C-alpha atoms as a PDB file:
ATOM      1  CA  MET A   1      49.922 217.895 115.929  1.00  0.00           C
ATOM      2  CA  PRO A   2      51.978 218.075 112.691  1.00  0.00           C
ATOM      3  CA  ALA A   3      54.083 215.202 111.429  1.00  0.00           C
ATOM      4  CA  GLN A   4      57.784 216.005 111.254  1.00  0.00           C
ATOM      5  CA  PRO A   5      59.581 216.190 107.988  1.00  0.00           C
ATOM      6  CA  PRO A   6      61.318 213.117 107.272  1.00  0.00           C
ATOM      7  CA  SER A   7      65.077 212.431 108.104  1.00  0.00           C
ATOM      8  CA  PHE A   8      67.649 213.257 105.381  1.00  0.00           C
ATOM      9  CA  PRO A   9      68.157 211.473 102.705  1.00  0.00           C
ATOM     10  CA  LEU A  10      71.955 210.446 102.067  1.00  0.00           C
ATOM     11  CA  ASP A  11      71.972 210.247  98.242  1.00  0.00           C
ATOM     12  CA  ASP A  12      72.141 213.211  95.205  1.00  0.00           C
ATOM     13  CA  LEU A  13      71.260 216.575  97.075  1.00  0.00           C
ATOM     14  CA  ASN A  14      70.838 217.584  93.187  1.00  0.00           C
ATOM     15  CA  ALA A  15      68.175 215.681  93.032  1.00  0.00           C
ATOM     16  CA  LEU A  16      66.146 216.630  95.862  1.00  0.00           C
ATOM     17  CA  ALA A  17      66.744 220.076  94.913  1.00  0.00           C
ATOM     18  CA  ASP A  18      65.321 219.532  91.184  1.00  0.00           C
ATOM     19  CA  GLU A  19      61.877 217.548  93.368  1.00  0.00           C
ATOM     20  CA  LEU A  20      61.290 220.591  95.409  1.00  0.00           C
ATOM     21  CA  LEU A  21      61.613 222.913  92.377  1.00  0.00           C
ATOM     22  CA  ALA A  22      59.125 220.220  90.734  1.00  0.00           C
ATOM     23  CA  ARG A  23      56.690 220.050  93.579  1.00  0.00           C
ATOM     24  CA  GLN A  24      56.473 223.681  93.511  1.00  0.00           C
ATOM     25  CA  ASP A  25      56.482 224.353  90.016  1.00  0.00           C
ATOM     26  CA  GLY A  26      56.482 228.588  88.952  1.00  0.00           C
ATOM     27  CA  SER A  27      56.836 229.499  92.727  1.00  0.00           C
ATOM     28  CA  PHE A  28      60.283 229.793  92.713  1.00  0.00           C
ATOM     29  CA  SER A  29      62.481 232.305  91.257  1.00  0.00           C
ATOM     30  CA  GLU A  30      66.662 232.673  90.813  1.00  0.00           C
ATOM     31  CA  ARG A  31      69.331 234.947  89.859  1.00  0.00           C
ATOM     32  CA  THR A  32      73.139 234.138  88.960  1.00  0.00           C
ATOM     33  CA  TRP A  33      76.182 236.245  90.108  1.00  0.00           C
ATOM     34  CA  ASP A  34      79.659 235.904  88.578  1.00  0.00           C
ATOM     35  CA  VAL A  35      81.805 235.266  91.745  1.00  0.00           C
ATOM     36  CA  HIS A  36      85.518 235.341  90.306  1.00  0.00           C
ATOM     37  CA  GLY A  37      84.797 232.739  87.813  1.00  0.00           C
ATOM     38  CA  VAL A  38      82.506 230.638  89.570  1.00  0.00           C
ATOM     39  CA  ALA A  39      78.864 231.046  89.226  1.00  0.00           C
ATOM     40  CA  VAL A  40      76.486 231.414  92.336  1.00  0.00           C
ATOM     41  CA  ARG A  41      72.810 230.416  91.823  1.00  0.00           C
ATOM     42  CA  ILE A  42      70.150 231.590  94.719  1.00  0.00           C
ATOM     43  CA  VAL A  43      66.964 229.883  94.098  1.00  0.00           C
ATOM     44  CA  THR A  44      64.151 231.015  96.593  1.00  0.00           C
ATOM     45  CA  ASP A  45      60.361 230.453  97.290  1.00  0.00           C
ATOM     46  CA  HIS A  46      60.688 233.809  99.007  1.00  0.00           C
ATOM     47  CA  SER A  47      61.413 237.272  97.534  1.00  0.00           C
ATOM     48  CA  TYR A  48      63.153 238.238 100.937  1.00  0.00           C
ATOM     49  CA  PRO A  49      65.770 235.775 100.900  1.00  0.00           C
ATOM     50  CA  LEU A  50      66.697 237.019  97.120  1.00  0.00           C
ATOM     51  CA  GLU A  51      66.697 240.568  97.884  1.00  0.00           C
ATOM     52  CA  CYS A  52      68.966 239.813 100.694  1.00  0.00           C
ATOM     53  CA  ALA A  53      71.569 238.090  97.965  1.00  0.00           C
ATOM     54  CA  ALA A  54      70.814 240.972  95.827  1.00  0.00           C
ATOM     55  CA  ARG A  55      72.051 243.372  98.734  1.00  0.00           C
ATOM     56  CA  LEU A  56      75.203 240.598  99.745  1.00  0.00           C
ATOM     57  CA  LEU A  57      76.492 239.546  96.090  1.00  0.00           C
ATOM     58  CA  GLY A  58      75.533 242.697  94.100  1.00  0.00           C
ATOM     59  CA  VAL A  59      78.982 243.897  93.878  1.00  0.00           C
ATOM     60  CA  PHE A  60      79.786 240.986  91.573  1.00  0.00           C
ATOM     61  CA  PRO A  61      78.535 240.712  87.758  1.00  0.00           C
ATOM     62  CA  GLU A  62      74.935 239.644  87.844  1.00  0.00           C
ATOM     63  CA  ARG A  63      75.352 237.007  85.019  1.00  0.00           C
ATOM     64  CA  PRO A  64      76.624 233.147  84.517  1.00  0.00           C
ATOM     65  CA  PRO A  65      80.198 233.187  84.080  1.00  0.00           C
ATOM     66  CA  GLN A  66      81.525 231.062  81.094  1.00  0.00           C
ATOM     67  CA  THR A  67      82.710 228.350  83.360  1.00  0.00           C
ATOM     68  CA  SER A  68      82.024 224.905  84.440  1.00  0.00           C
ATOM     69  CA  ARG A  69      82.506 225.759  88.167  1.00  0.00           C
ATOM     70  CA  GLN A  70      79.313 226.523  90.160  1.00  0.00           C
ATOM     71  CA  ILE A  71      77.292 226.064  93.222  1.00  0.00           C
ATOM     72  CA  ARG A  72      73.779 226.389  94.044  1.00  0.00           C
ATOM     73  CA  LEU A  73      71.685 227.477  96.798  1.00  0.00           C
ATOM     74  CA  VAL A  74      68.116 226.058  97.094  1.00  0.00           C
ATOM     75  CA  LEU A  75      65.878 227.728 100.087  1.00  0.00           C
ATOM     76  CA  THR A  76      62.732 226.943 100.808  1.00  0.00           C
ATOM     77  CA  SER A  77      60.135 228.618 103.417  1.00  0.00           C
ATOM     78  CA  ARG A  78      59.188 225.082 104.762  1.00  0.00           C
ATOM     79  CA  LYS A  79      61.411 222.629 106.615  1.00  0.00           C
ATOM     80  CA  GLN A  80      62.029 219.645 104.207  1.00  0.00           C
ATOM     81  CA  TRP A  81      63.760 217.485 106.482  1.00  0.00           C
ATOM     82  CA  THR A  82      65.746 216.790 109.863  1.00  0.00           C
ATOM     83  CA  VAL A  83      69.491 216.506 110.602  1.00  0.00           C
ATOM     84  CA  PRO A  84      70.058 212.314 110.630  1.00  0.00           C
ATOM     85  CA  ARG A  85      70.615 211.419 114.874  1.00  0.00           C
ATOM     86  CA  GLU A  86      73.740 209.713 113.639  1.00  0.00           C
ATOM     87  CA  ALA A  87      75.341 212.611 112.237  1.00  0.00           C
ATOM     88  CA  TYR A  88      78.441 213.612 113.582  1.00  0.00           C
ATOM     89  CA  VAL A  89      78.530 216.754 115.254  1.00  0.00           C
ATOM     90  CA  LEU A  90      81.764 219.205 114.494  1.00  0.00           C
ATOM     91  CA  PRO A  91      83.522 220.730 117.379  1.00  0.00           C
ATOM     92  CA  ALA A  92      82.609 224.480 118.067  1.00  0.00           C
ATOM     93  CA  SER A  93      84.656 227.029 116.812  1.00  0.00           C
ATOM     94  CA  SER A  94      86.245 230.319 118.462  1.00  0.00           C
ATOM     95  CA  HIS A  95      85.716 231.844 115.118  1.00  0.00           C
ATOM     96  CA  GLU A  96      83.293 235.122 115.561  1.00  0.00           C
ATOM     97  CA  ILE A  97      81.614 234.196 112.388  1.00  0.00           C
ATOM     98  CA  ILE A  98      79.959 231.255 113.817  1.00  0.00           C
ATOM     99  CA  ASP A  99      79.708 232.236 117.331  1.00  0.00           C
ATOM    100  CA  PRO A 100      76.325 234.488 117.573  1.00  0.00           C
ATOM    101  CA  ARG A 101      74.016 233.097 120.002  1.00  0.00           C
ATOM    102  CA  GLU A 102      75.145 235.839 122.885  1.00  0.00           C
ATOM    103  CA  ALA A 103      75.168 238.749 120.063  1.00  0.00           C
ATOM    104  CA  TYR A 104      71.796 237.315 117.796  1.00  0.00           C
ATOM    105  CA  GLY A 105      69.841 234.768 119.993  1.00  0.00           C
ATOM    106  CA  ILE A 106      70.895 232.283 116.676  1.00  0.00           C
ATOM    107  CA  ASP A 107      71.985 229.183 117.707  1.00  0.00           C
ATOM    108  CA  MET A 108      74.406 227.638 115.268  1.00  0.00           C
ATOM    109  CA  ARG A 109      75.488 224.390 114.604  1.00  0.00           C
ATOM    110  CA  PHE A 110      77.884 222.171 112.464  1.00  0.00           C
ATOM    111  CA  ALA A 111      77.449 218.534 111.581  1.00  0.00           C
ATOM    112  CA  ARG A 112      78.659 216.213 108.862  1.00  0.00           C
ATOM    113  CA  LEU A 113      77.402 212.550 107.555  1.00  0.00           C
ATOM    114  CA  GLU A 114      79.354 210.475 105.027  1.00  0.00           C
ATOM    115  CA  SER A 115      79.270 213.409 102.062  1.00  0.00           C
ATOM    116  CA  ILE A 116      76.870 215.900 103.335  1.00  0.00           C
ATOM    117  CA  ASN A 117      77.437 218.656 105.353  1.00  0.00           C
ATOM    118  CA  PHE A 118      74.924 219.837 107.883  1.00  0.00           C
ATOM    119  CA  TYR A 119      74.481 223.784 109.074  1.00  0.00           C
ATOM    120  CA  GLU A 120      71.608 224.575 111.495  1.00  0.00           C
ATOM    121  CA  PHE A 121      70.998 228.494 112.598  1.00  0.00           C
ATOM    122  CA  LEU A 122      68.028 227.749 114.928  1.00  0.00           C
ATOM    123  CA  PRO A 123      65.709 228.876 115.074  1.00  0.00           C
ATOM    124  CA  MET A 124      65.799 230.473 111.641  1.00  0.00           C
ATOM    125  CA  GLY A 125      65.986 227.451 109.899  1.00  0.00           C
ATOM    126  CA  GLY A 126      68.731 224.968 108.267  1.00  0.00           C
ATOM    127  CA  ALA A 127      70.942 223.755 105.245  1.00  0.00           C
ATOM    128  CA  ALA A 128      72.112 220.728 104.203  1.00  0.00           C
ATOM    129  CA  TYR A 129      74.945 220.958 101.756  1.00  0.00           C
ATOM    130  CA  ASP A 130      77.721 218.672  99.377  1.00  0.00           C
ATOM    131  CA  LEU A 131      80.645 220.754  99.012  1.00  0.00           C
ATOM    132  CA  GLU A 132      82.047 218.770  95.934  1.00  0.00           C
ATOM    133  CA  ARG A 133      78.884 219.103  93.963  1.00  0.00           C
ATOM    134  CA  GLY A 134      78.567 222.525  94.725  1.00  0.00           C
ATOM    135  CA  ILE A 135      74.669 222.234  95.665  1.00  0.00           C
ATOM    136  CA  CYS A 136      73.081 223.242  99.027  1.00  0.00           C
ATOM    137  CA  VAL A 137      69.372 223.014 100.085  1.00  0.00           C
ATOM    138  CA  GLY A 138      67.919 224.669 102.434  1.00  0.00           C
ATOM    139  CA  PHE A 139      65.071 226.451 104.802  1.00  0.00           C
ATOM    140  CA  LEU A 140      64.426 229.501 106.365  1.00  0.00           C
ATOM    141  CA  HIS A 141      61.279 229.820 108.609  1.00  0.00           C
ATOM    142  CA  GLU A 142      59.281 232.992 108.479  1.00  0.00           C
ATOM    143  CA  PRO A 143      62.003 235.039 106.576  1.00  0.00           C
ATOM    144  CA  GLU A 144      60.624 238.331 106.363  1.00  0.00           C
ATOM    145  CA  THR A 145      60.129 238.215 110.562  1.00  0.00           C
ATOM    146  CA  TYR A 146      64.349 238.180 110.202  1.00  0.00           C
ATOM    147  CA  ARG A 147      66.337 241.685 109.949  1.00  0.00           C
ATOM    148  CA  PRO A 148      67.843 241.447 106.166  1.00  0.00           C
ATOM    149  CA  TRP A 149      71.660 241.508 108.316  1.00  0.00           C
ATOM    150  CA  LEU A 150      70.907 238.079 109.911  1.00  0.00           C
ATOM    151  CA  ILE A 151      69.562 236.657 106.726  1.00  0.00           C
ATOM    152  CA  GLU A 152      72.331 238.109 104.342  1.00  0.00           C
ATOM    153  CA  HIS A 153      75.272 237.446 107.133  1.00  0.00           C
ATOM    154  CA  LEU A 154      74.645 234.364 109.055  1.00  0.00           C
ATOM    155  CA  VAL A 155      72.980 232.405 106.549  1.00  0.00           C
ATOM    156  CA  LEU A 156      73.885 233.506 103.061  1.00  0.00           C
ATOM    157  CA  GLN A 157      77.316 234.639 103.305  1.00  0.00           C
ATOM    158  CA  LEU A 158      78.350 232.136 105.520  1.00  0.00           C
ATOM    159  CA  LEU A 159      76.647 229.212 103.321  1.00  0.00           C
ATOM    160  CA  THR A 160      77.972 231.060  99.561  1.00  0.00           C
ATOM    161  CA  ILE A 161      81.420 231.200 101.250  1.00  0.00           C
ATOM    162  CA  GLU A 162      81.440 227.627 102.507  1.00  0.00           C
ATOM    163  CA  MET A 163      80.287 226.428  99.243  1.00  0.00           C
ATOM    164  CA  LEU A 164      82.945 228.288  97.177  1.00  0.00           C
ATOM    165  CA  ARG A 165      85.726 226.571  98.942  1.00  0.00           C
ATOM    166  CA  GLY A 166      84.623 223.114  97.121  1.00  0.00           C
ATOM    167  CA  GLN A 167      85.245 225.306  93.967  1.00  0.00           C
ATOM    168  CA  GLY A 168      88.698 226.617  95.083  1.00  0.00           C
ATOM    169  CA  LEU A 169      88.164 229.704  96.011  1.00  0.00           C
ATOM    170  CA  PHE A 170      88.972 229.940  99.879  1.00  0.00           C
ATOM    171  CA  TRP A 171      87.889 232.598 102.385  1.00  0.00           C
ATOM    172  CA  LEU A 172      89.673 234.845 104.899  1.00  0.00           C
ATOM    173  CA  HIS A 173      88.631 236.832 107.808  1.00  0.00           C
ATOM    174  CA  ALA A 174      90.348 240.023 107.179  1.00  0.00           C
ATOM    175  CA  GLY A 175      90.517 243.069 105.253  1.00  0.00           C
ATOM    176  CA  CYS A 176      92.617 243.831 101.918  1.00  0.00           C
ATOM    177  CA  VAL A 177      93.962 246.769 100.299  1.00  0.00           C
ATOM    178  CA  ALA A 178      96.503 246.802  97.226  1.00  0.00           C
ATOM    179  CA  HIS A 179      99.254 248.941  95.821  1.00  0.00           C
ATOM    180  CA  ALA A 180     100.892 248.617  92.581  1.00  0.00           C
ATOM    181  CA  GLY A 181      99.255 244.780  92.068  1.00  0.00           C
ATOM    182  CA  ARG A 182     100.649 244.016  95.687  1.00  0.00           C
ATOM    183  CA  ALA A 183      98.066 242.817  98.563  1.00  0.00           C
ATOM    184  CA  VAL A 184      97.999 244.432 102.190  1.00  0.00           C
ATOM    185  CA  LEU A 185      96.212 241.764 104.345  1.00  0.00           C
ATOM    186  CA  VAL A 186      95.035 243.136 107.528  1.00  0.00           C
ATOM    187  CA  THR A 187      93.313 240.684 109.772  1.00  0.00           C
ATOM    188  CA  GLY A 188      92.449 240.576 113.519  1.00  0.00           C
ATOM    189  CA  LYS A 189      89.787 239.982 115.929  1.00  0.00           C
ATOM    190  CA  SER A 190      86.985 242.780 115.847  1.00  0.00           C
ATOM    191  CA  GLY A 191      88.335 245.849 117.900  1.00  0.00           C
ATOM    192  CA  SER A 192      91.765 245.462 116.634  1.00  0.00           C
ATOM    193  CA  GLY A 193      91.762 248.110 114.639  1.00  0.00           C
ATOM    194  CA  LYS A 194      91.539 246.050 111.199  1.00  0.00           C
ATOM    195  CA  THR A 195      88.466 248.567 109.919  1.00  0.00           C
ATOM    196  CA  THR A 196      90.466 251.684 111.042  1.00  0.00           C
ATOM    197  CA  THR A 197      93.318 250.568 108.998  1.00  0.00           C
ATOM    198  CA  CYS A 198      91.965 249.190 105.858  1.00  0.00           C
ATOM    199  CA  LEU A 199      89.898 252.487 105.546  1.00  0.00           C
ATOM    200  CA  ASN A 200      92.971 254.429 106.016  1.00  0.00           C
ATOM    201  CA  LEU A 201      95.122 253.278 103.700  1.00  0.00           C
ATOM    202  CA  ALA A 202      92.264 253.090 100.567  1.00  0.00           C
ATOM    203  CA  ASP A 203      91.355 256.460 101.542  1.00  0.00           C
ATOM    204  CA  HIS A 204      95.099 257.355 100.940  1.00  0.00           C
ATOM    205  CA  GLY A 205      95.077 255.836  97.436  1.00  0.00           C
ATOM    206  CA  PHE A 206      95.396 252.236  97.953  1.00  0.00           C
ATOM    207  CA  GLY A 207      93.341 249.654  96.180  1.00  0.00           C
ATOM    208  CA  PHE A 208      90.438 248.585  98.339  1.00  0.00           C
ATOM    209  CA  LEU A 209      89.165 244.894  98.110  1.00  0.00           C
ATOM    210  CA  SER A 210      87.497 244.292 101.195  1.00  0.00           C
ATOM    211  CA  GLU A 211      87.155 245.389 104.869  1.00  0.00           C
ATOM    212  CA  ASP A 212      86.028 242.009 106.502  1.00  0.00           C
ATOM    213  CA  ARG A 213      86.573 239.623 103.727  1.00  0.00           C
ATOM    214  CA  VAL A 214      88.909 238.239 101.231  1.00  0.00           C
ATOM    215  CA  PHE A 215      88.774 235.296  98.715  1.00  0.00           C
ATOM    216  CA  VAL A 216      92.486 233.397  97.896  1.00  0.00           C
ATOM    217  CA  TRP A 217      92.594 230.596  95.530  1.00  0.00           C
ATOM    218  CA  GLN A 218      95.550 229.088  94.295  1.00  0.00           C
ATOM    219  CA  ALA A 219      96.925 228.618  90.961  1.00  0.00           C
ATOM    220  CA  GLY A 220     100.161 226.204  90.740  1.00  0.00           C
ATOM    221  CA  GLU A 221     102.410 227.493  93.206  1.00  0.00           C
ATOM    222  CA  SER A 222     101.331 230.845  93.663  1.00  0.00           C
ATOM    223  CA  ALA A 223      98.445 232.783  95.389  1.00  0.00           C
ATOM    224  CA  THR A 224      95.753 235.169  94.424  1.00  0.00           C
ATOM    225  CA  LEU A 225      93.755 237.454  96.643  1.00  0.00           C
ATOM    226  CA  GLY A 226      90.126 238.309  94.972  1.00  0.00           C
ATOM    227  CA  ALA A 227      88.291 241.330  96.237  1.00  0.00           C
ATOM    228  CA  TYR A 228      85.165 240.605  98.245  1.00  0.00           C
ATOM    229  CA  PRO A 229      84.098 244.719  98.580  1.00  0.00           C
ATOM    230  CA  ARG A 230      80.497 244.192 100.631  1.00  0.00           C
ATOM    231  CA  ASP A 231      78.522 246.531 102.827  1.00  0.00           C
ATOM    232  CA  MET A 232      80.654 247.839 105.668  1.00  0.00           C
ATOM    233  CA  ALA A 233      80.029 248.395 109.473  1.00  0.00           C
ATOM    234  CA  VAL A 234      82.082 251.407 110.313  1.00  0.00           C
ATOM    235  CA  THR A 235      81.881 252.928 113.922  1.00  0.00           C
ATOM    236  CA  ARG A 236      81.867 256.274 115.071  1.00  0.00           C
ATOM    237  CA  GLU A 237      85.284 256.213 116.283  1.00  0.00           C
ATOM    238  CA  THR A 238      86.534 255.104 113.224  1.00  0.00           C
ATOM    239  CA  LEU A 239      84.863 257.993 111.077  1.00  0.00           C
ATOM    240  CA  ALA A 240      86.196 260.270 113.897  1.00  0.00           C
ATOM    241  CA  ILE A 241      89.993 259.476 113.093  1.00  0.00           C
ATOM    242  CA  LEU A 242      88.992 259.422 109.460  1.00  0.00           C
ATOM    243  CA  PRO A 243      87.286 262.809 108.746  1.00  0.00           C
ATOM    244  CA  THR A 244      87.487 262.657 104.899  1.00  0.00           C
ATOM    245  CA  LEU A 245      85.694 259.192 105.190  1.00  0.00           C
ATOM    246  CA  ARG A 246      83.280 260.808 107.755  1.00  0.00           C
ATOM    247  CA  GLU A 247      82.364 263.529 104.882  1.00  0.00           C
ATOM    248  CA  ARG A 248      81.194 261.078 102.187  1.00  0.00           C
ATOM    249  CA  VAL A 249      78.834 259.088 104.531  1.00  0.00           C
ATOM    250  CA  ASP A 250      75.074 259.582 105.442  1.00  0.00           C
ATOM    251  CA  GLN A 251      75.635 259.698 109.362  1.00  0.00           C
ATOM    252  CA  SER A 252      71.817 259.742 109.833  1.00  0.00           C
ATOM    253  CA  SER A 253      71.655 256.073 108.835  1.00  0.00           C
ATOM    254  CA  PHE A 254      73.771 255.497 112.229  1.00  0.00           C
ATOM    255  CA  THR A 255      72.486 252.461 113.926  1.00  0.00           C
ATOM    256  CA  ARG A 256      73.090 251.832 117.699  1.00  0.00           C
ATOM    257  CA  ARG A 257      76.780 251.420 117.309  1.00  0.00           C
ATOM    258  CA  LYS A 258      77.570 251.299 113.447  1.00  0.00           C
ATOM    259  CA  LEU A 259      77.372 252.643 110.012  1.00  0.00           C
ATOM    260  CA  ARG A 260      76.167 250.152 107.433  1.00  0.00           C
ATOM    261  CA  VAL A 261      77.718 251.732 103.782  1.00  0.00           C
ATOM    262  CA  PRO A 262      78.341 250.143 100.889  1.00  0.00           C
ATOM    263  CA  ALA A 263      82.189 249.653 100.111  1.00  0.00           C
ATOM    264  CA  LYS A 264      81.720 251.907  96.855  1.00  0.00           C
ATOM    265  CA  ALA A 265      79.840 254.379  98.305  1.00  0.00           C
ATOM    266  CA  LEU A 266      82.803 255.359  99.944  1.00  0.00           C
ATOM    267  CA  PHE A 267      85.652 254.151  97.137  1.00  0.00           C
ATOM    268  CA  PRO A 268      83.807 254.133  93.715  1.00  0.00           C
ATOM    269  CA  ASP A 269      86.987 254.224  91.952  1.00  0.00           C
ATOM    270  CA  THR A 270      89.568 251.978  93.669  1.00  0.00           C
ATOM    271  CA  CYS A 271      87.636 248.739  94.399  1.00  0.00           C
ATOM    272  CA  GLU A 272      90.325 246.424  93.160  1.00  0.00           C
ATOM    273  CA  VAL A 273      89.660 242.759  91.444  1.00  0.00           C
ATOM    274  CA  SER A 274      92.446 240.947  92.513  1.00  0.00           C
ATOM    275  CA  ALA A 275      95.791 241.449  93.805  1.00  0.00           C
ATOM    276  CA  LEU A 276      98.894 239.491  94.135  1.00  0.00           C
ATOM    277  CA  PRO A 277     100.339 238.114  98.033  1.00  0.00           C
ATOM    278  CA  GLY A 278     102.321 241.185  99.551  1.00  0.00           C
ATOM    279  CA  LEU A 279     102.000 242.580 103.401  1.00  0.00           C
ATOM    280  CA  ILE A 280     100.092 240.571 106.067  1.00  0.00           C
ATOM    281  CA  LEU A 281      99.219 242.778 109.251  1.00  0.00           C
ATOM    282  CA  PHE A 282      98.070 242.084 112.290  1.00  0.00           C
ATOM    283  CA  PRO A 283      97.166 245.198 114.072  1.00  0.00           C
ATOM    284  CA  ALA A 284      96.968 245.978 118.149  1.00  0.00           C
ATOM    285  CA  LEU A 285      95.666 249.436 119.668  1.00  0.00           C
ATOM    286  CA  ALA A 286      97.919 250.838 121.701  1.00  0.00           C
ATOM    287  CA  ASP A 287      98.929 253.987 123.908  1.00  0.00           C
ATOM    288  CA  ALA A 288     101.702 255.139 121.750  1.00  0.00           C
ATOM    289  CA  ASP A 289     102.589 258.100 119.172  1.00  0.00           C
ATOM    290  CA  ARG A 290     104.181 255.870 116.861  1.00  0.00           C
ATOM    291  CA  THR A 291     103.124 252.554 114.777  1.00  0.00           C
ATOM    292  CA  THR A 292     105.647 250.429 114.369  1.00  0.00           C
ATOM    293  CA  PHE A 293     106.229 247.018 112.855  1.00  0.00           C
ATOM    294  CA  HIS A 294     107.396 243.301 114.377  1.00  0.00           C
ATOM    295  CA  PRO A 295     108.270 240.864 111.797  1.00  0.00           C
ATOM    296  CA  LEU A 296     106.665 237.280 112.329  1.00  0.00           C
ATOM    297  CA  SER A 297     108.019 234.012 110.470  1.00  0.00           C
ATOM    298  CA  ALA A 298     105.411 232.618 108.004  1.00  0.00           C
ATOM    299  CA  THR A 299     104.218 229.595 110.330  1.00  0.00           C
ATOM    300  CA  ALA A 300     103.871 232.151 113.248  1.00  0.00           C
ATOM    301  CA  ALA A 301     101.670 234.398 110.555  1.00  0.00           C
ATOM    302  CA  LEU A 302     100.018 231.012 109.365  1.00  0.00           C
ATOM    303  CA  CYS A 303      98.813 229.980 113.084  1.00  0.00           C
ATOM    304  CA  ARG A 304      97.632 233.370 113.471  1.00  0.00           C
ATOM    305  CA  ILE A 305      95.340 233.409 110.039  1.00  0.00           C
ATOM    306  CA  LEU A 306      93.808 229.454 110.276  1.00  0.00           C
ATOM    307  CA  PRO A 307      91.248 230.517 113.322  1.00  0.00           C
ATOM    308  CA  ASN A 308      90.141 233.425 111.422  1.00  0.00           C
ATOM    309  CA  SER A 309      89.822 231.393 108.161  1.00  0.00           C
ATOM    310  CA  LEU A 310      89.697 227.586 108.028  1.00  0.00           C
ATOM    311  CA  LEU A 311      86.498 225.607 108.737  1.00  0.00           C
ATOM    312  CA  ALA A 312      87.280 222.052 109.080  1.00  0.00           C
ATOM    313  CA  SER A 313      84.143 220.684 107.629  1.00  0.00           C
ATOM    314  CA  HIS A 314      85.077 218.418 104.888  1.00  0.00           C
ATOM    315  CA  PRO A 315      88.523 216.841 104.826  1.00  0.00           C
ATOM    316  CA  GLY A 316      89.707 217.268 101.144  1.00  0.00           C
ATOM    317  CA  VAL A 317      88.306 220.774 100.993  1.00  0.00           C
ATOM    318  CA  SER A 318      89.945 221.847 104.168  1.00  0.00           C
ATOM    319  CA  ALA A 319      93.178 220.366 103.405  1.00  0.00           C
ATOM    320  CA  ARG A 320      93.361 222.216 100.068  1.00  0.00           C
ATOM    321  CA  HIS A 321      92.334 225.789 101.791  1.00  0.00           C
ATOM    322  CA  PHE A 322      94.875 224.860 104.251  1.00  0.00           C
ATOM    323  CA  GLU A 323      97.821 224.570 101.121  1.00  0.00           C
ATOM    324  CA  ALA A 324      96.279 227.910  99.555  1.00  0.00           C
ATOM    325  CA  LEU A 325      96.980 229.745 103.122  1.00  0.00           C
ATOM    326  CA  SER A 326     100.528 227.811 103.845  1.00  0.00           C
ATOM    327  CA  ILE A 327     101.385 229.652  99.979  1.00  0.00           C
ATOM    328  CA  LEU A 328      99.774 233.079 100.508  1.00  0.00           C
ATOM    329  CA  VAL A 329     101.979 233.221 103.834  1.00  0.00           C
ATOM    330  CA  LYS A 330     104.946 231.952 102.197  1.00  0.00           C
ATOM    331  CA  SER A 331     104.813 234.348  99.400  1.00  0.00           C
ATOM    332  CA  SER A 332     104.047 237.487 101.720  1.00  0.00           C
ATOM    333  CA  ARG A 333     105.952 239.017 104.778  1.00  0.00           C
ATOM    334  CA  ALA A 334     103.779 239.181 107.881  1.00  0.00           C
ATOM    335  CA  TYR A 335     104.029 241.917 110.816  1.00  0.00           C
ATOM    336  CA  GLU A 336     102.466 242.593 114.115  1.00  0.00           C
ATOM    337  CA  THR A 337     101.694 246.198 113.914  1.00  0.00           C
ATOM    338  CA  VAL A 338     100.943 248.135 116.912  1.00  0.00           C
ATOM    339  CA  LEU A 339      99.191 251.043 115.901  1.00  0.00           C
ATOM    340  CA  GLY A 340     100.288 254.331 117.568  1.00  0.00           C
ATOM    341  CA  ARG A 341      98.498 257.830 117.212  1.00  0.00           C
ATOM    342  CA  ASP A 342     100.371 258.811 114.016  1.00  0.00           C
ATOM    343  CA  ILE A 343      97.477 257.704 111.344  1.00  0.00           C
ATOM    344  CA  ASP A 344      98.323 259.884 108.811  1.00  0.00           C
ATOM    345  CA  ALA A 345     102.259 258.051 108.422  1.00  0.00           C
ATOM    346  CA  MET A 346     100.493 255.058 108.573  1.00  0.00           C
ATOM    347  CA  PRO A 347     100.074 254.917 104.794  1.00  0.00           C
ATOM    348  CA  GLY A 348     103.753 256.027 103.740  1.00  0.00           C
ATOM    349  CA  LEU A 349     105.097 253.232 106.277  1.00  0.00           C
ATOM    350  CA  VAL A 350     103.131 250.606 104.260  1.00  0.00           C
ATOM    351  CA  ARG A 351     104.111 251.647 101.093  1.00  0.00           C
ATOM    352  CA  ASP A 352     107.640 251.374 102.216  1.00  0.00           C
ATOM    353  CA  LEU A 353     107.356 247.830 103.479  1.00  0.00           C
ATOM    354  CA  LEU A 354     106.140 247.082  99.957  1.00  0.00           C
ATOM    355  CA  ASP A 355     108.690 248.431  98.021  1.00  0.00           C
ATOM    356  CA  ALA A 356     111.045 246.781 100.136  1.00  0.00           C
ATOM    357  CA  GLN A 357     110.018 243.138  99.414  1.00  0.00           C
ATOM    358  CA  PRO A 358     111.181 241.485  96.661  1.00  0.00           C
ATOM    359  CA  GLY A 359     109.050 241.436  93.661  1.00  0.00           C
END
């Protein structure tokens, strides 16, 4: 019977990462991307996760930015440690991104001990990370046996966007487009019309930032939204009501439910880098002829956004995340948006709302 890996050493994760790299000299490869001024370094001893990272982060420049802000993810194909028994297991979240047991057969667990956070994505592997120091050490058991989507989104994306929080780059589960430098956030659960709304606006001249995740960061008393135009998952129903998009995608690549397509394949000339706060829309599908907008207070908007963004995995970082979201909603006008059948009228209605907002 093989020996169990040692319990996790509660010291500098950078030292553990360096020890792993030295122990397997020459077997690791790495690539670095500039994600809104933060250097994201992915280091692995297996080519497959690095290929997945390239698909996930390929929308960003592959270069080290001229900045001291960086995160490093070191992923090995061998289990190096176990989560300490005394670690505090964080409460389960209702957010879709961390509840994939039923959909994917992956059991996800979060825990924390002292300055270290633990994330287990069983049976695939696990990771330990220090948000303040920007270092993550993890393992993927037989990564080649898993679909790329699982590695990209349930492992690499979650670890990347979680660790970027430690560098002041916070995430939202929302689509985002922009008009005249002002952002239109569209947020809601799957099936609410979020993707259809974003793609409809982008197809009518709005700049495209994201269909599912967007970054927000704070600069003094203001907030900025940053693009994350990763691959999109588009349903047949969405394409059915957006015929100009349907003509520009390869429908032969459809999966059982959705088509995976890079954002830049649909919007090669409209991907925006960043935008200032403008509108926040919370869509809801309805059997109605006309789309209607119902104002929400900043407090109500914040209460709706928090379950779709904030992971309370680190007291200090989570407080800064909350502050950035608070500034975002105070700088925006929020609406519950009941989507009607007048889909062609939607872009004009949203432009009118933006134009009516003080600059």
